[in-house]
Protein backbone atom coordinates (compact mmCIF):
# COMPACT_ATOMS: atom_id res chain seq x y z
CA MET A 1 71.20 40.56 75.81
CA SER A 2 71.78 36.58 74.87
CA ASP A 3 69.79 34.15 76.59
CA ILE A 4 71.08 32.30 79.29
CA LEU A 5 71.97 28.91 77.59
CA SER A 6 74.00 28.06 81.17
CA ALA A 7 70.19 28.04 82.86
CA GLY A 8 69.57 25.48 85.44
CA LEU A 9 73.44 24.70 86.11
CA PRO A 10 75.02 25.02 89.35
CA VAL A 11 77.85 28.02 89.59
CA LEU A 12 81.10 27.08 91.29
CA THR A 13 81.88 29.27 94.37
CA ASN A 14 85.75 30.23 96.05
CA LYS A 15 86.47 29.74 99.93
CA ALA A 16 84.97 33.11 100.66
CA GLY A 17 81.52 32.38 98.71
CA LEU A 18 81.97 34.99 95.71
CA PRO A 19 81.55 33.22 92.47
CA ALA A 20 84.68 31.62 90.86
CA LEU A 21 86.94 33.61 89.06
CA CYS A 22 87.32 31.97 85.37
CA LEU A 23 90.19 32.80 83.32
CA VAL A 24 89.33 32.97 79.41
CA THR A 25 92.30 32.18 77.00
CA GLY A 26 91.79 33.25 73.25
CA ALA A 27 88.79 35.68 74.51
CA THR A 28 89.71 37.31 70.58
CA GLY A 29 88.78 33.78 69.29
CA TYR A 30 85.36 32.55 67.97
CA ILE A 31 84.33 30.54 71.06
CA GLY A 32 86.01 32.69 74.01
CA GLY A 33 84.73 35.89 73.16
CA ARG A 34 81.04 34.10 73.19
CA LEU A 35 81.86 32.56 76.14
CA VAL A 36 82.93 35.49 78.29
CA VAL A 37 79.10 36.71 77.34
CA GLU A 38 77.73 33.22 78.99
CA LEU A 39 80.03 33.10 82.03
CA LEU A 40 78.93 36.59 82.82
CA ASN A 41 75.15 35.93 82.49
CA HIS A 42 75.99 32.82 84.69
CA GLY A 43 77.29 35.21 87.55
CA TYR A 44 80.76 34.07 87.18
CA ARG A 45 83.78 36.82 87.55
CA VAL A 46 86.04 37.05 84.40
CA ARG A 47 89.35 37.89 83.59
CA VAL A 48 90.79 37.56 80.04
CA ILE A 49 94.35 37.42 78.49
CA ALA A 50 94.90 39.23 75.19
CA ARG A 51 98.09 39.82 73.25
CA ASN A 52 96.47 42.97 72.00
CA ALA A 53 93.87 44.20 74.66
CA SER A 54 92.60 46.79 71.84
CA ARG A 55 91.04 44.06 69.87
CA LEU A 56 88.28 43.49 72.63
CA LYS A 57 87.52 47.29 73.11
CA ASP A 58 84.30 46.85 70.78
CA HIS A 59 83.14 43.82 73.07
CA PRO A 60 79.97 45.17 75.35
CA TRP A 61 81.49 43.48 78.07
CA ILE A 62 84.71 44.79 78.26
CA LYS A 63 83.83 46.82 81.29
CA GLN A 64 82.49 44.10 83.06
CA VAL A 65 85.72 41.84 83.14
CA GLU A 66 89.38 41.93 83.99
CA VAL A 67 91.86 42.32 81.08
CA VAL A 68 95.60 41.39 81.34
CA GLU A 69 97.30 42.27 78.20
CA GLY A 70 99.93 39.93 77.51
CA ASP A 71 100.96 37.07 75.35
CA ALA A 72 99.94 33.60 76.26
CA ASN A 73 103.63 32.49 75.40
CA ASP A 74 104.91 34.81 77.59
CA GLU A 75 105.33 33.06 81.24
CA GLN A 76 105.10 36.08 83.32
CA ALA A 77 101.84 37.41 81.60
CA LEU A 78 100.16 34.08 82.00
CA THR A 79 101.09 33.86 85.41
CA LYS A 80 99.55 37.08 86.34
CA ALA A 81 96.58 36.53 84.71
CA MET A 82 96.17 33.12 86.45
CA GLN A 83 96.71 34.93 90.00
CA GLY A 84 93.68 34.01 91.87
CA ALA A 85 91.43 32.47 89.39
CA ASP A 86 89.69 29.28 90.21
CA ILE A 87 89.17 27.89 86.83
CA ALA A 88 91.53 28.64 83.36
CA TYR A 89 89.92 27.98 80.26
CA TYR A 90 92.11 26.72 77.51
CA LEU A 91 90.99 27.88 74.09
CA LEU A 92 94.60 28.67 72.26
CA HIS A 93 95.96 27.11 69.38
CA ALA A 94 98.78 27.54 66.49
CA LEU A 95 96.38 26.56 63.75
CA MET A 96 97.38 29.69 61.68
CA SER A 97 100.95 28.89 61.74
CA LYS A 98 102.46 28.18 58.57
CA ASN A 99 105.41 26.26 59.83
CA ASP A 100 105.54 23.31 62.77
CA PHE A 101 102.00 24.15 64.28
CA GLU A 102 102.06 21.03 66.01
CA ALA A 103 105.52 21.63 67.93
CA LYS A 104 103.89 24.57 68.78
CA GLU A 105 100.74 23.73 70.21
CA ARG A 106 102.77 21.24 72.28
CA ALA A 107 104.81 23.85 73.40
CA LEU A 108 102.01 26.16 74.42
CA ALA A 109 99.91 23.49 76.38
CA GLU A 110 103.27 22.52 78.57
CA HIS A 111 103.80 26.39 78.81
CA PHE A 112 100.46 26.65 80.58
CA VAL A 113 100.58 23.52 82.50
CA LYS A 114 103.75 24.69 83.82
CA CYS A 115 101.87 28.09 84.85
CA ALA A 116 98.75 26.74 85.92
CA LYS A 117 100.85 24.77 88.60
CA THR A 118 102.56 27.64 89.85
CA SER A 119 99.29 30.01 90.14
CA GLY A 120 97.12 27.08 91.87
CA ILE A 121 94.51 26.80 89.47
CA GLY A 122 91.61 24.52 90.41
CA ARG A 123 90.54 23.32 87.19
CA ILE A 124 91.04 23.50 83.63
CA VAL A 125 88.78 23.10 80.90
CA TYR A 126 89.54 22.83 77.02
CA LEU A 127 87.61 22.53 74.00
CA GLY A 128 89.45 20.18 71.79
CA GLY A 129 88.11 18.17 68.77
CA MET A 130 86.40 14.80 68.21
CA ILE A 131 89.06 12.07 67.46
CA ALA A 132 88.24 8.57 65.61
CA PRO A 133 90.83 6.31 67.86
CA THR A 134 90.99 3.92 65.46
CA GLU A 135 92.09 5.89 62.71
CA GLU A 136 95.04 7.86 61.74
CA LEU A 137 94.62 11.49 62.33
CA SER A 138 95.30 14.68 60.77
CA PRO A 139 98.31 16.70 61.92
CA HIS A 140 95.23 19.21 63.15
CA MET A 141 93.76 16.76 64.78
CA GLN A 142 96.71 14.62 66.55
CA SER A 143 97.98 18.14 67.72
CA ARG A 144 94.50 18.68 69.73
CA ALA A 145 94.43 15.20 70.78
CA ASP A 146 98.02 15.85 72.20
CA THR A 147 97.21 19.16 73.88
CA GLY A 148 94.58 17.08 75.32
CA GLU A 149 97.02 14.42 76.87
CA ILE A 150 99.18 17.35 77.88
CA LEU A 151 96.52 18.96 80.09
CA ARG A 152 95.09 15.85 81.76
CA ALA A 153 98.46 14.58 82.84
CA SER A 154 98.87 17.96 84.50
CA GLY A 155 97.81 16.55 87.63
CA ILE A 156 95.11 19.68 87.70
CA PRO A 157 91.54 18.23 87.43
CA THR A 158 90.62 19.03 83.56
CA ILE A 159 87.83 18.87 81.76
CA GLU A 160 88.62 17.91 77.91
CA LEU A 161 85.29 18.36 75.79
CA ARG A 162 85.68 17.31 71.91
CA ALA A 163 83.63 18.71 69.68
CA ALA A 164 83.11 17.95 65.73
CA VAL A 165 82.07 20.93 63.29
CA VAL A 166 80.73 23.74 65.60
CA ILE A 167 77.29 25.54 63.73
CA GLY A 168 77.64 29.39 64.33
CA SER A 169 78.31 32.39 62.30
CA GLY A 170 82.14 32.94 62.78
CA SER A 171 83.04 29.45 62.95
CA ALA A 172 85.80 28.18 60.57
CA SER A 173 84.00 24.98 59.82
CA PHE A 174 80.56 26.14 59.33
CA GLU A 175 82.03 29.28 57.39
CA MET A 176 83.46 26.49 54.96
CA LEU A 177 80.25 24.93 54.66
CA ARG A 178 78.28 28.02 54.15
CA TYR A 179 80.09 29.40 51.52
CA LEU A 180 80.80 26.58 49.37
CA THR A 181 76.52 25.90 49.86
CA GLU A 182 75.90 28.81 48.99
CA ARG A 183 78.21 29.79 45.86
CA LEU A 184 78.17 26.33 44.08
CA PRO A 185 74.77 25.34 43.13
CA ILE A 186 76.29 22.65 41.21
CA MET A 187 79.45 20.84 42.54
CA THR A 188 81.75 17.95 42.10
CA VAL A 189 83.47 17.25 45.45
CA PRO A 190 85.88 15.01 47.35
CA LYS A 191 85.02 11.53 48.57
CA TRP A 192 85.28 12.80 52.15
CA VAL A 193 81.77 14.47 52.03
CA GLN A 194 80.54 10.80 52.16
CA VAL A 195 82.15 10.91 55.98
CA ARG A 196 80.02 11.03 59.35
CA ILE A 197 80.02 13.65 61.44
CA GLN A 198 78.32 14.69 64.49
CA PRO A 199 77.83 18.47 64.39
CA ILE A 200 76.78 20.72 67.10
CA ALA A 201 75.50 24.05 67.70
CA VAL A 202 77.55 27.03 69.49
CA ARG A 203 74.60 27.38 72.12
CA ASP A 204 75.12 23.80 73.47
CA VAL A 205 78.98 23.95 73.35
CA LEU A 206 78.98 26.98 75.50
CA ARG A 207 76.35 25.11 78.02
CA TYR A 208 79.20 22.11 78.34
CA LEU A 209 81.49 24.60 78.66
CA VAL A 210 79.93 26.70 81.32
CA GLY A 211 78.80 23.53 83.15
CA ALA A 212 81.99 21.89 83.35
CA ALA A 213 83.37 24.84 85.74
CA ALA A 214 81.11 23.59 88.56
CA LEU A 215 81.75 19.91 88.14
CA ASP A 216 83.29 17.71 91.21
CA PRO A 217 86.87 18.56 91.08
CA LYS A 218 87.43 14.47 91.24
CA ILE A 219 85.72 14.54 88.08
CA THR A 220 88.52 14.76 85.29
CA GLY A 221 89.01 13.15 81.63
CA ALA A 222 87.88 13.76 78.08
CA TYR A 223 84.36 13.75 76.75
CA ASP A 224 82.49 13.96 73.32
CA ILE A 225 80.17 16.61 72.86
CA GLY A 226 77.53 16.30 69.66
CA GLY A 227 74.33 17.44 68.80
CA PRO A 228 71.50 15.10 68.28
CA GLU A 229 71.81 14.43 64.19
CA ILE A 230 74.60 12.57 62.76
CA TYR A 231 75.23 13.59 58.79
CA THR A 232 77.61 13.30 56.10
CA TYR A 233 78.80 16.41 55.02
CA LYS A 234 76.97 15.92 51.54
CA GLN A 235 73.68 15.93 53.80
CA MET A 236 74.81 18.94 55.73
CA MET A 237 75.06 21.03 52.88
CA GLU A 238 71.83 19.91 51.57
CA LYS A 239 70.28 20.88 55.05
CA TYR A 240 71.99 24.16 55.00
CA ALA A 241 70.47 25.13 51.37
CA GLU A 242 66.90 24.28 52.83
CA ALA A 243 67.57 26.04 56.22
CA ALA A 244 68.98 28.86 53.86
CA GLY A 245 65.87 28.75 51.34
CA LEU A 246 68.48 27.79 48.56
CA ARG A 247 67.56 25.77 45.70
CA LYS A 248 68.64 21.78 45.93
CA ARG A 249 72.34 21.39 45.53
CA ILE A 250 73.66 19.13 43.02
CA ILE A 251 76.24 17.29 44.38
CA ILE A 252 78.62 15.26 42.87
CA PRO A 253 81.33 13.21 44.87
CA VAL A 254 84.32 12.30 42.89
CA PRO A 255 87.38 10.16 43.83
CA VAL A 256 89.93 12.38 42.22
CA LEU A 257 90.34 15.40 44.74
CA THR A 258 93.27 14.92 47.16
CA PRO A 259 93.40 16.86 50.13
CA ARG A 260 95.53 19.25 48.86
CA LEU A 261 93.44 19.80 45.59
CA SER A 262 90.52 20.04 47.90
CA SER A 263 92.12 22.75 49.93
CA GLY A 264 93.13 24.65 46.96
CA TRP A 265 89.46 24.30 45.55
CA VAL A 266 88.26 25.66 49.10
CA GLY A 267 90.42 28.14 48.91
CA LEU A 268 88.98 29.18 45.60
CA VAL A 269 85.33 29.30 46.42
CA THR A 270 85.54 30.53 49.89
CA PRO A 271 87.35 33.24 51.75
CA VAL A 272 88.39 30.82 54.26
CA PRO A 273 92.33 31.47 54.43
CA TYR A 274 94.37 28.50 52.58
CA THR A 275 96.06 27.43 55.70
CA LEU A 276 93.09 27.24 57.62
CA ALA A 277 91.16 25.49 54.84
CA ARG A 278 94.15 22.64 54.19
CA ARG A 279 94.07 21.67 57.98
CA LEU A 280 90.06 21.80 58.04
CA VAL A 281 89.97 19.95 55.10
CA ALA A 282 92.70 17.25 55.84
CA SER A 283 90.67 16.53 59.27
CA LEU A 284 87.22 15.67 57.29
CA LYS A 285 88.61 12.13 56.34
CA ASN A 286 87.88 11.23 59.57
CA GLU A 287 84.58 9.88 61.09
CA VAL A 288 83.76 12.19 63.88
CA VAL A 289 80.58 10.55 66.14
CA ALA A 290 80.20 10.62 69.60
CA ARG A 291 81.53 6.96 71.17
CA ASP A 292 79.39 7.88 74.16
CA ASP A 293 77.42 10.60 75.49
CA SER A 294 78.31 10.36 79.32
CA ILE A 295 78.85 14.24 79.55
CA ARG A 296 75.05 14.46 79.49
CA ASP A 297 75.01 12.63 82.71
CA LEU A 298 77.24 15.44 83.91
CA ILE A 299 75.77 18.54 82.20
CA PRO A 300 72.25 17.82 81.78
CA ASP A 301 70.63 19.19 78.23
CA PRO A 302 69.04 22.59 78.19
CA VAL A 303 65.28 22.73 78.88
CA GLY A 304 63.90 21.34 75.14
CA GLY A 305 66.82 19.45 74.17
CA LEU A 306 70.16 20.08 72.32
CA THR A 307 69.41 22.07 69.21
CA PRO A 308 68.88 20.42 65.88
CA PHE A 309 71.06 21.38 63.10
CA LYS A 310 68.27 23.08 61.07
CA LYS A 311 67.55 25.05 64.01
CA ALA A 312 71.67 25.74 64.44
CA VAL A 313 71.98 27.35 60.98
CA GLN A 314 69.02 29.24 61.22
CA LEU A 315 69.92 30.81 64.10
CA ALA A 316 73.38 31.60 62.46
CA LEU A 317 71.52 33.24 59.45
CA THR A 318 68.99 35.25 61.68
CA LYS A 319 70.69 38.87 61.77
CA ILE A 320 70.88 38.66 57.87
CA LYS A 321 67.49 37.23 57.29
CA ASP A 322 65.79 39.64 59.94
CA ALA A 323 68.01 42.53 58.44
CA ARG A 324 69.76 43.40 61.59
CA VAL A 325 72.93 44.30 59.52
CA GLU A 326 74.19 47.10 61.85
CA THR A 327 76.13 44.77 64.22
CA ARG A 328 78.20 44.09 61.43
CA TRP A 329 79.60 47.60 61.99
CA SER A 330 79.04 48.63 65.47
CA ASN A 331 77.98 46.35 68.65
CA ALA A 332 76.26 48.38 71.27
CA SER A 333 75.19 45.55 73.19
CA PHE A 334 75.27 41.97 74.03
CA PRO A 335 74.66 39.95 70.46
CA GLY A 336 70.87 38.52 70.48
CA SER A 337 72.38 35.02 69.94
CA PRO A 338 76.37 33.19 69.78
CA SER A 339 75.20 32.33 66.59
CA GLU A 340 75.75 35.82 65.55
CA PRO A 341 78.96 37.49 64.75
CA LEU A 342 81.27 39.29 67.18
CA PRO A 343 83.40 42.38 66.30
CA THR A 344 86.66 39.83 67.14
CA ASP A 345 85.16 37.24 64.39
CA PRO A 346 87.71 37.09 61.15
CA ASN A 347 86.39 39.75 58.32
CA TRP A 348 85.66 36.52 56.46
CA ALA A 349 82.87 35.21 59.13
CA GLY A 350 79.15 35.82 59.09
CA GLY A 351 78.73 35.37 55.42
CA SER A 352 78.99 37.77 52.51
CA LEU A 353 78.07 41.26 52.59
CA TYR A 354 79.13 43.63 50.16
CA THR A 355 79.08 47.60 50.65
CA ASP A 356 79.66 50.83 48.81
CA VAL A 357 80.69 53.81 51.05
CA ARG A 358 80.41 56.88 50.25
CA THR A 359 81.64 59.81 52.39
CA VAL A 360 80.98 63.49 51.68
CA GLU A 361 81.76 66.33 54.26
CA THR A 362 80.11 69.71 54.04
CA THR A 363 79.57 73.13 55.56
CA ASP A 364 75.72 72.75 55.49
CA SER A 365 74.18 71.95 59.00
CA ILE A 366 73.38 68.46 59.92
CA ASP A 367 69.78 69.48 59.85
CA THR A 368 69.53 71.02 56.47
CA VAL A 369 71.27 67.75 55.14
CA TRP A 370 68.53 65.86 56.87
CA ARG A 371 65.74 67.39 55.08
CA ARG A 372 67.33 66.54 51.68
CA ILE A 373 67.91 62.94 53.02
CA GLU A 374 64.38 62.85 54.46
CA SER A 375 62.91 63.96 51.43
CA ILE A 376 64.44 61.22 49.07
CA GLY A 377 62.50 59.34 46.60
CA GLY A 378 58.64 59.46 45.38
CA ASN A 379 58.36 62.67 43.19
CA ASN A 380 61.35 64.47 44.81
CA GLY A 381 63.51 61.74 42.72
CA TYR A 382 66.93 60.69 43.90
CA SER A 383 69.09 63.84 43.64
CA THR A 384 70.72 62.84 40.83
CA ALA A 385 70.84 60.27 37.80
CA THR A 386 67.15 59.85 38.67
CA TRP A 387 66.84 58.28 35.05
CA ALA A 388 69.27 55.39 36.15
CA TRP A 389 66.30 54.50 39.46
CA GLU A 390 63.39 54.73 37.03
CA LEU A 391 65.23 51.79 34.76
CA ARG A 392 65.43 49.88 37.63
CA GLY A 393 62.38 50.41 38.92
CA VAL A 394 60.99 49.01 35.26
CA MET A 395 63.51 46.28 35.60
CA ASP A 396 61.56 45.75 38.97
CA LYS A 397 58.02 45.56 37.41
CA ILE A 398 59.00 43.58 34.39
CA VAL A 399 59.99 40.74 36.99
CA GLY A 400 57.10 41.22 39.11
CA GLY A 401 58.35 43.61 41.69
CA VAL A 402 56.50 46.69 43.21
CA GLY A 403 58.48 48.91 41.04
CA LEU A 404 58.60 52.94 41.49
CA ARG A 405 55.15 53.39 41.80
CA ARG A 406 54.14 53.40 45.70
CA GLY A 407 56.01 56.70 45.58
CA ARG A 408 55.94 57.97 49.43
CA ARG A 409 53.12 58.43 51.94
CA ASP A 410 54.50 62.53 52.52
CA PRO A 411 56.87 64.33 50.28
CA ASN A 412 58.68 65.62 53.36
CA THR A 413 58.62 63.32 56.33
CA LEU A 414 59.10 59.72 56.92
CA LEU A 415 57.95 57.18 59.85
CA PRO A 416 59.25 53.81 60.19
CA GLY A 417 57.57 51.24 58.47
CA ASP A 418 56.81 53.70 55.52
CA ALA A 419 56.70 52.66 51.80
CA LEU A 420 59.40 54.53 49.71
CA ASP A 421 59.34 53.39 45.97
CA PHE A 422 60.62 49.81 46.44
CA TRP A 423 61.86 50.73 49.56
CA ARG A 424 60.75 50.24 53.15
CA VAL A 425 61.48 52.08 56.27
CA GLU A 426 63.30 50.17 58.36
CA ALA A 427 65.36 52.82 60.88
CA ILE A 428 65.22 56.43 61.33
CA GLU A 429 66.68 58.58 63.85
CA ARG A 430 66.62 62.24 63.23
CA PRO A 431 68.84 63.70 62.27
CA THR A 432 71.29 60.93 62.21
CA LEU A 433 70.27 57.97 60.54
CA LEU A 434 68.10 56.77 57.49
CA ARG A 435 68.14 52.89 56.87
CA LEU A 436 66.00 51.65 54.01
CA ARG A 437 65.51 47.91 53.19
CA ALA A 438 64.88 46.91 49.65
CA GLU A 439 61.70 45.52 48.41
CA MET A 440 62.68 45.10 44.73
CA LYS A 441 63.18 41.66 43.32
CA MET A 442 66.79 40.65 43.59
CA PRO A 443 68.34 37.49 44.36
CA GLY A 444 69.69 38.62 48.08
CA LEU A 445 68.73 41.38 50.79
CA ALA A 446 69.71 45.22 49.91
CA TRP A 447 69.86 48.27 52.09
CA LEU A 448 70.72 51.61 51.48
CA GLU A 449 71.70 53.61 54.71
CA PHE A 450 72.51 57.66 55.40
CA THR A 451 74.06 58.32 58.69
CA LEU A 452 75.09 62.32 59.35
CA LYS A 453 77.53 63.54 61.93
CA PRO A 454 78.20 66.69 63.06
CA LEU A 455 81.40 68.41 63.06
CA PRO A 456 83.01 71.34 64.65
CA ASN A 457 82.62 74.02 61.93
CA GLY A 458 78.84 73.82 62.34
CA GLY A 459 78.66 71.38 59.27
CA CYS A 460 78.51 67.89 59.10
CA GLU A 461 79.58 64.44 57.49
CA LEU A 462 77.19 62.28 55.42
CA THR A 463 78.02 58.43 55.05
CA GLN A 464 76.04 56.96 52.28
CA ARG A 465 76.23 53.09 52.51
CA ALA A 466 74.55 50.55 50.07
CA ILE A 467 74.77 47.13 51.78
CA TYR A 468 73.82 43.85 49.93
CA ALA A 469 73.40 40.37 51.14
CA PRO A 470 73.73 37.72 48.07
CA ARG A 471 71.74 34.61 48.03
CA GLY A 472 73.37 31.95 46.22
CA LEU A 473 75.72 32.06 43.30
CA PHE A 474 73.11 34.49 41.40
CA GLY A 475 73.24 36.84 44.44
CA HIS A 476 76.96 37.57 43.85
CA ALA A 477 76.33 37.77 39.82
CA TYR A 478 74.25 40.29 40.45
CA TRP A 479 76.19 42.29 42.69
CA TRP A 480 78.97 42.40 40.19
CA ALA A 481 76.32 43.00 37.11
CA VAL A 482 75.03 46.16 39.21
CA TRP A 483 78.67 47.47 40.42
CA PRO A 484 79.40 49.32 37.36
CA MET A 485 76.21 51.37 37.81
CA HIS A 486 76.83 52.28 41.52
CA GLY A 487 79.91 53.87 40.30
CA LEU A 488 77.83 56.22 38.15
CA VAL A 489 75.09 56.84 40.64
CA PHE A 490 76.18 56.87 44.20
CA PRO A 491 79.14 59.59 44.17
CA SER A 492 76.88 62.06 42.72
CA MET A 493 74.17 61.09 44.94
CA ALA A 494 75.96 61.59 48.07
CA LYS A 495 77.28 64.91 47.38
CA SER A 496 74.14 66.25 45.90
CA LEU A 497 72.76 64.98 49.15
CA ALA A 498 75.60 66.85 51.35
CA THR A 499 76.11 69.95 49.43
CA GLY A 500 72.55 70.38 47.61
CA ASN A 501 74.51 70.70 44.27
CA ARG A 502 72.96 68.41 41.60
């Protein structure tokens, strides 16, 4: 369960004395999916509108909210979603539109205002971008500012919260920072890395968004929100490397990289889509530092204060560092922190994670296959290509690792925490799951996971998954260096475990 970041904030109630009904647009987006959790945690009733409601099915909160399926551009669907709502959160954008996205954003905001007036919405809360009023803005930031003006001019009490770079796994700006820093130990960078930025942790953004719901209706306007520190982009990369345990990055700013060249460079090095990268990079030419902190008088800081940059980065990295990788594939409960990945985050969010997945169906019973899986390693070996595992063990010993000499405590059974050659038993659920965490020396973290699912014919399906989270550029190089060996070892290993045929 997520900690209640909005603790200590008042809850808005309607005329019937019930907690206000909040409409969250953009629920499949980065902020929207996380905001739903915090509103629910704080006691609010929540309704969401989504073009494709099936995209929300893996969220654990799906049965606790009302879902209206429809396009926010459609007047009938949006008006239906707004009926009876007290607060409307505007988290819509057309940033990924290739053509004339500025006009599309203006039209979307005007359409939203029209429906909000018809439906009697009591307050609009909008998360926009921090702007430098004396500088020429990029098209992206100008459209964010224009959207805020349209919403504030609606006559409906509106709180516009303006943020710079949001720090949390899944945030496009953070992912760009993450990939650049992790993949490039030495880099020549554009001069915009010297521009000052006031980043803010996603947990603090969510607190401001929740707190804005209960503000006095007389309060309206635009407010800058920022974290407790101001850095240049170069300093943020350096601080990220420090928080992630990477070696010090060598960063050399050069004046020749134009925004277009910079976007191509970012697109080449990171998986962030080029269209998105181009618009984010173009916005980095402007200094984004809060001009005042009056929002903190209206929405008090949490106990302990706003989240420092380094802690925000560490929270975003916690899931992989603590080996809690399973929620990259299934999300059975609320994420432990809004900094962690969600099911609707883009597939490039959450950091690099390589997988090798092999699935085999067998007529052997699930119990029979489980016995083979649980007896893996030690003197029993690894079903096939034992020579390859022995070679990897020798390589590990050469570089100071544990190698294969530890063996296993018992030849047939395992317990959580058991050492197994150069693995550690991280999770075991008989007879459906065994997850081993690698303790061999490597530039990253690795797991080997086996899951079993019964089949109607009395047999079962075995899924064997190798998982690797690289650390730095050498981590990526390591994966591709051993990848040919995976092709030799893993297919036959899965088949042998499933069928008993070596």
